[in-house]
Protein backbone atom coordinates (compact mmCIF):
# COMPACT_ATOMS: atom_id res chain seq x y z
CA MET A 1 -32.05 19.25 -28.92
CA TYR A 2 -32.60 21.36 -25.82
CA HIS A 3 -35.59 23.57 -26.56
CA ASN A 4 -38.93 23.50 -28.32
CA PRO A 5 -38.51 25.31 -31.64
CA VAL A 6 -40.94 28.23 -31.94
CA MET A 7 -43.69 28.01 -34.62
CA LEU A 8 -42.06 24.93 -36.12
CA ASN A 9 -44.86 23.97 -38.53
CA GLU A 10 -45.32 27.55 -39.68
CA CYS A 11 -41.56 27.83 -40.38
CA LEU A 12 -41.54 24.61 -42.41
CA GLU A 13 -44.61 25.69 -44.39
CA GLY A 14 -42.92 29.03 -45.04
CA LEU A 15 -39.75 27.35 -46.36
CA ASN A 16 -41.82 25.21 -48.76
CA ILE A 17 -39.02 22.63 -48.74
CA ASN A 18 -37.75 21.01 -51.94
CA PRO A 19 -36.31 17.65 -50.74
CA ASP A 20 -33.28 17.97 -53.06
CA GLY A 21 -32.68 21.61 -52.17
CA VAL A 22 -30.03 23.53 -50.24
CA TYR A 23 -31.23 25.33 -47.11
CA VAL A 24 -29.64 27.59 -44.51
CA ASP A 25 -30.47 27.80 -40.81
CA VAL A 26 -28.55 30.86 -39.64
CA THR A 27 -29.44 30.25 -35.97
CA TYR A 28 -28.86 26.56 -35.20
CA GLY A 29 -29.31 26.96 -31.41
CA GLY A 30 -30.73 23.77 -29.97
CA GLY A 31 -31.09 22.19 -33.42
CA GLY A 32 -34.88 21.93 -33.36
CA HIS A 33 -35.58 23.72 -36.62
CA SER A 34 -32.51 22.16 -38.27
CA LYS A 35 -33.64 18.63 -37.39
CA ALA A 36 -37.09 19.25 -38.83
CA ILE A 37 -35.58 20.59 -42.08
CA LEU A 38 -33.24 17.57 -42.35
CA ASP A 39 -36.23 15.25 -41.85
CA ARG A 40 -37.72 16.71 -45.04
CA LEU A 41 -34.58 16.56 -47.19
CA SER A 42 -33.55 13.70 -49.48
CA LYS A 43 -30.03 12.26 -49.62
CA LYS A 44 -29.21 14.98 -52.17
CA GLY A 45 -30.48 17.81 -49.97
CA ARG A 46 -28.12 19.90 -47.83
CA LEU A 47 -28.51 22.11 -44.76
CA ILE A 48 -25.93 24.76 -43.86
CA ALA A 49 -26.29 25.81 -40.22
CA PHE A 50 -24.61 28.72 -38.42
CA ASP A 51 -24.02 29.28 -34.70
CA GLN A 52 -21.22 30.89 -32.72
CA ASP A 53 -22.28 29.49 -29.34
CA GLU A 54 -20.14 26.69 -27.86
CA ASP A 55 -23.27 24.97 -26.54
CA ALA A 56 -24.64 24.68 -30.09
CA LYS A 57 -21.42 22.97 -31.24
CA ARG A 58 -21.77 20.40 -28.46
CA ASN A 59 -25.33 19.71 -29.55
CA LEU A 60 -24.78 18.94 -33.24
CA ILE A 61 -26.97 16.48 -35.11
CA ASN A 62 -24.93 13.62 -36.58
CA ASP A 63 -25.98 13.85 -40.24
CA GLU A 64 -23.72 13.98 -43.30
CA ARG A 65 -26.16 16.38 -45.02
CA LEU A 66 -25.53 18.99 -42.30
CA ILE A 67 -22.71 21.50 -42.84
CA PHE A 68 -22.04 23.43 -39.64
CA ILE A 69 -20.35 26.86 -39.61
CA ASP A 70 -19.15 27.88 -36.13
CA GLN A 71 -19.63 31.61 -36.77
CA ASN A 72 -22.45 34.11 -36.65
CA PHE A 73 -24.20 34.96 -39.92
CA GLU A 74 -22.48 38.30 -40.63
CA PHE A 75 -20.55 36.88 -43.61
CA LEU A 76 -23.35 34.55 -44.69
CA LYS A 77 -22.75 34.67 -48.45
CA ASN A 78 -18.97 34.10 -48.22
CA HIS A 79 -19.43 31.02 -46.02
CA VAL A 80 -22.17 29.52 -48.21
CA GLN A 81 -20.15 30.05 -51.39
CA TYR A 82 -17.01 28.66 -49.73
CA GLN A 83 -18.99 25.45 -49.20
CA GLY A 84 -19.60 25.31 -52.97
CA PHE A 85 -23.13 26.71 -53.23
CA ASP A 86 -23.83 29.85 -55.29
CA LYS A 87 -27.56 29.91 -54.54
CA VAL A 88 -29.85 28.35 -51.93
CA ASP A 89 -33.52 27.36 -51.89
CA GLY A 90 -34.41 28.84 -48.54
CA LEU A 91 -33.14 30.51 -45.40
CA LEU A 92 -34.49 30.36 -41.85
CA ALA A 93 -33.55 32.80 -39.07
CA ASP A 94 -34.83 32.42 -35.50
CA LEU A 95 -33.35 35.63 -34.09
CA GLY A 96 -32.54 36.65 -30.53
CA VAL A 97 -31.41 34.50 -27.62
CA SER A 98 -32.30 30.83 -27.33
CA SER A 99 -34.31 29.63 -24.35
CA HIS A 100 -31.27 27.55 -23.38
CA GLN A 101 -29.09 30.66 -23.17
CA PHE A 102 -31.71 32.34 -20.98
CA ASP A 103 -31.86 29.27 -18.73
CA ILE A 104 -28.08 29.06 -18.14
CA GLY A 105 -27.68 31.51 -15.27
CA GLU A 106 -23.92 32.07 -15.52
CA ARG A 107 -24.24 33.58 -19.03
CA GLY A 108 -25.99 36.64 -17.57
CA PHE A 109 -28.71 36.85 -20.25
CA SER A 110 -31.63 36.52 -17.85
CA ILE A 111 -32.84 38.89 -15.13
CA ARG A 112 -33.85 35.85 -13.05
CA PHE A 113 -30.37 34.95 -11.77
CA ASP A 114 -29.16 37.72 -9.45
CA ASP A 115 -25.78 36.05 -8.77
CA ALA A 116 -24.92 35.68 -12.47
CA VAL A 117 -21.96 37.72 -13.72
CA LEU A 118 -22.63 40.36 -16.39
CA ASP A 119 -21.57 38.57 -19.56
CA MET A 120 -24.24 38.28 -22.32
CA ARG A 121 -21.77 37.28 -25.05
CA MET A 122 -23.21 34.98 -27.71
CA SER A 123 -19.65 33.85 -28.44
CA GLN A 124 -17.23 33.41 -25.55
CA SER A 125 -14.35 34.48 -27.82
CA GLN A 126 -15.52 38.07 -28.28
CA ARG A 127 -13.97 40.84 -26.20
CA LEU A 128 -16.95 43.08 -25.45
CA SER A 129 -19.10 41.85 -22.56
CA ALA A 130 -21.98 43.29 -20.53
CA HIS A 131 -19.47 43.91 -17.71
CA LYS A 132 -17.41 46.17 -20.00
CA VAL A 133 -20.46 48.05 -21.26
CA ILE A 134 -21.79 48.70 -17.75
CA ASN A 135 -18.48 49.54 -16.11
CA GLU A 136 -16.48 51.24 -18.88
CA TYR A 137 -18.93 53.10 -21.15
CA LYS A 138 -19.26 56.82 -20.51
CA ALA A 139 -22.65 58.35 -19.68
CA ASP A 140 -23.50 59.44 -23.25
CA ALA A 141 -22.63 56.04 -24.70
CA LEU A 142 -24.68 54.21 -22.05
CA ALA A 143 -27.67 56.51 -22.59
CA ASN A 144 -27.46 55.92 -26.33
CA VAL A 145 -27.50 52.12 -25.84
CA PHE A 146 -30.61 52.29 -23.61
CA TYR A 147 -32.45 54.70 -25.91
CA LYS A 148 -31.54 53.09 -29.23
CA TYR A 149 -31.73 49.39 -28.35
CA GLY A 150 -34.07 49.32 -25.34
CA GLU A 151 -36.39 52.15 -26.47
CA LEU A 152 -36.13 53.52 -22.93
CA HIS A 153 -36.96 57.23 -22.79
CA GLN A 154 -35.34 57.87 -19.40
CA SER A 155 -32.01 56.71 -20.81
CA ARG A 156 -29.91 59.60 -19.44
CA LYS A 157 -31.24 59.02 -15.94
CA LEU A 158 -30.41 55.29 -16.18
CA ALA A 159 -26.88 56.08 -17.35
CA ALA A 160 -26.39 58.50 -14.43
CA GLU A 161 -27.60 55.86 -11.93
CA ILE A 162 -25.12 53.33 -13.30
CA ILE A 163 -22.23 55.82 -13.22
CA ALA A 164 -23.09 56.61 -9.57
CA ALA A 165 -23.39 52.93 -8.59
CA ARG A 166 -20.07 51.91 -10.17
CA THR A 167 -18.06 54.71 -8.53
CA GLY A 168 -15.38 53.03 -6.41
CA LYS A 169 -16.55 49.49 -7.20
CA ASP A 170 -17.51 47.69 -10.41
CA ILE A 171 -21.06 46.46 -10.93
CA GLU A 172 -20.36 42.72 -11.18
CA THR A 173 -23.65 40.81 -11.19
CA VAL A 174 -27.18 40.86 -12.57
CA GLY A 175 -28.49 41.59 -9.06
CA GLU A 176 -26.14 44.55 -8.59
CA LEU A 177 -27.23 46.05 -11.91
CA LYS A 178 -30.92 45.67 -11.00
CA GLU A 179 -30.22 47.26 -7.60
CA ALA A 180 -28.47 50.22 -9.29
CA LEU A 181 -31.57 50.90 -11.41
CA LYS A 182 -34.18 50.00 -8.78
CA SER A 183 -35.45 53.56 -8.30
CA SER A 184 -36.26 53.83 -12.03
CA ALA A 185 -38.14 50.52 -12.25
CA PRO A 186 -41.89 51.24 -12.49
CA LYS A 187 -44.05 49.58 -9.86
CA PHE A 188 -45.72 46.38 -11.10
CA LYS A 189 -43.97 46.80 -14.48
CA ASP A 190 -40.44 46.19 -13.25
CA PHE A 191 -40.08 42.90 -15.18
CA LYS A 192 -40.73 44.60 -18.52
CA PHE A 193 -38.42 47.48 -17.59
CA TYR A 194 -35.49 45.22 -16.70
CA ALA A 195 -36.14 43.10 -19.81
CA GLN A 196 -35.75 46.26 -21.95
CA VAL A 197 -32.54 47.21 -20.10
CA PHE A 198 -31.06 43.74 -20.62
CA GLN A 199 -32.18 43.63 -24.26
CA ALA A 200 -30.37 46.93 -24.91
CA ILE A 201 -27.12 45.76 -23.30
CA ARG A 202 -27.25 42.38 -25.09
CA ILE A 203 -27.79 43.98 -28.50
CA GLU A 204 -24.82 46.29 -27.89
CA VAL A 205 -22.55 43.48 -26.66
CA ASN A 206 -23.27 41.28 -29.68
CA GLN A 207 -23.84 44.07 -32.23
CA GLU A 208 -27.01 42.18 -33.12
CA LEU A 209 -28.68 44.78 -35.32
CA ASP A 210 -25.50 45.55 -37.28
CA VAL A 211 -24.97 41.85 -37.95
CA LEU A 212 -28.64 41.40 -38.94
CA GLU A 213 -28.49 44.35 -41.35
CA LYS A 214 -25.38 42.96 -43.05
CA MET A 215 -26.93 39.51 -43.34
CA LEU A 216 -30.25 40.75 -44.75
CA LEU A 217 -28.51 42.65 -47.53
CA GLN A 218 -26.84 39.40 -48.68
CA CYS A 219 -30.09 37.44 -48.97
CA GLY A 220 -31.27 38.85 -52.31
CA SER A 221 -28.27 37.60 -54.27
CA LEU A 222 -28.09 34.30 -52.38
CA LEU A 223 -31.63 33.03 -52.92
CA LYS A 224 -32.79 31.24 -56.08
CA PRO A 225 -35.96 32.51 -57.80
CA LYS A 226 -38.93 31.31 -55.72
CA GLY A 227 -36.54 30.68 -52.82
CA ARG A 228 -38.01 31.50 -49.42
CA LEU A 229 -36.89 33.72 -46.53
CA VAL A 230 -38.39 32.81 -43.14
CA PHE A 231 -37.57 35.17 -40.26
CA MET A 232 -38.71 35.03 -36.65
CA SER A 233 -37.99 38.09 -34.52
CA TYR A 234 -38.70 38.89 -30.89
CA HIS A 235 -38.67 42.67 -30.62
CA SER A 236 -39.74 45.61 -32.77
CA LEU A 237 -36.22 46.68 -33.79
CA GLU A 238 -35.49 43.34 -35.49
CA ASP A 239 -38.99 43.00 -36.92
CA ARG A 240 -38.87 46.48 -38.48
CA LEU A 241 -35.61 45.67 -40.32
CA VAL A 242 -36.96 42.33 -41.57
CA LYS A 243 -40.28 43.86 -42.66
CA ASN A 244 -38.56 46.72 -44.50
CA TYR A 245 -36.18 44.39 -46.30
CA MET A 246 -38.87 41.92 -47.35
CA ASN A 247 -41.13 44.73 -48.58
CA SER A 248 -38.56 46.75 -50.48
CA GLY A 249 -35.18 45.00 -50.70
CA ASN A 250 -33.59 47.74 -48.57
CA LEU A 251 -33.40 48.45 -44.85
CA MET A 252 -35.32 51.74 -44.98
CA GLY A 253 -38.40 50.17 -46.55
CA GLU A 254 -38.37 52.69 -49.42
CA LEU A 255 -39.89 51.30 -52.61
CA GLU A 256 -37.80 51.94 -55.73
CA LYS A 257 -39.40 52.36 -59.17
CA ASP A 258 -38.00 51.83 -62.64
CA PHE A 259 -38.25 54.27 -65.58
CA PHE A 260 -41.83 53.15 -66.28
CA GLY A 261 -42.98 53.55 -62.67
CA ASN A 262 -43.01 49.82 -61.90
CA ILE A 263 -41.94 48.90 -58.37
CA ASN A 264 -38.56 47.16 -58.25
CA ARG A 265 -38.22 44.76 -55.37
CA PRO A 266 -36.48 41.42 -55.03
CA PHE A 267 -39.07 39.75 -52.77
CA ASN A 268 -42.78 39.14 -52.54
CA PRO A 269 -43.83 39.20 -48.85
CA LEU A 270 -46.21 36.27 -48.33
CA ASN A 271 -47.79 37.62 -45.16
CA LYS A 272 -48.61 41.34 -44.97
CA LYS A 273 -49.02 41.06 -41.21
CA ALA A 274 -46.51 39.08 -39.14
CA ALA A 275 -47.80 35.69 -37.96
CA VAL A 276 -47.83 34.92 -34.23
CA ALA A 277 -47.89 31.68 -32.26
CA THR A 278 -51.20 30.06 -31.37
CA ASP A 279 -52.64 30.58 -27.88
CA LYS A 280 -51.81 26.94 -27.11
CA GLU A 281 -48.14 27.34 -28.11
CA GLN A 282 -47.85 30.60 -26.18
CA GLU A 283 -49.12 28.79 -23.07
CA GLU A 284 -46.67 25.90 -23.52
CA ASN A 285 -43.60 27.85 -24.68
CA ASN A 286 -42.84 31.22 -23.08
CA ARG A 287 -40.39 32.20 -25.80
CA SER A 288 -43.11 32.06 -28.46
CA ARG A 289 -45.16 34.85 -26.85
CA SER A 290 -43.20 37.69 -28.41
CA ALA A 291 -42.33 35.91 -31.66
CA LYS A 292 -43.30 37.44 -35.02
CA LEU A 293 -42.90 35.37 -38.18
CA ARG A 294 -42.47 36.85 -41.65
CA VAL A 295 -42.07 34.95 -44.93
CA ALA A 296 -41.04 36.25 -48.37
CA GLU A 297 -40.40 34.64 -51.76
CA ARG A 298 -37.60 35.63 -54.14
CA LEU A 299 -38.99 37.06 -57.37
């Protein structure tokens, strides 16, 4: 286990674990949440964990109750049913990038390592990388990535700066990308600006929101009645999707009514407002500062 799991107790409370139940951790990462779930399961209980990162595979817990799927969670339902389970008792998702991935400079996820190559792939087998996005996307496509996934309003200007900087020579490293956008970085708020830029590129490289949307829409038919969904997100784009789905059963958040005017929805959200980490945890674990936790129960 190579990182402190965020809001661990709150996640376990949210799952309301049945010791004989079947649970899914769609983001195994460093194994922190998975280990805590396994500690609460009986010999009959099972945990199905997903992760496409090679580091996660090297960090597996040796436990016969753990079933590890070395993929992302896009085809969640197919994988779970292939393992012989039609329904599960709970699902945990700790979205975004693990602290370990941020701390490994050569992966290019963090703005801290100027010499790191532009990679940002969650799985080393995928073709699209940050280098391809930055050096091969046309201006309109780049601007769209920054606006849609980074919520950056000067997206066209940023795209133009990148096009100018890569003329004649590829932008190869984190430092070179920051240098290309230096004139757009607001004084004293440059860290937040670069974090938004990197978030946008990472989401595009890994198609994170598309994969999340597909996974969410599979949860309703996968969970048993009273089964729990526990989702932790780290930026507003993810949190909005999770909130909408938990509230309505669809990604737009639109409540559907039956013939008699009763609201039809598959889940009961257990916290109207997303939970956040305690001040103490935020001090001790940087990653927890932006975390928002939502829990819902299958009706």
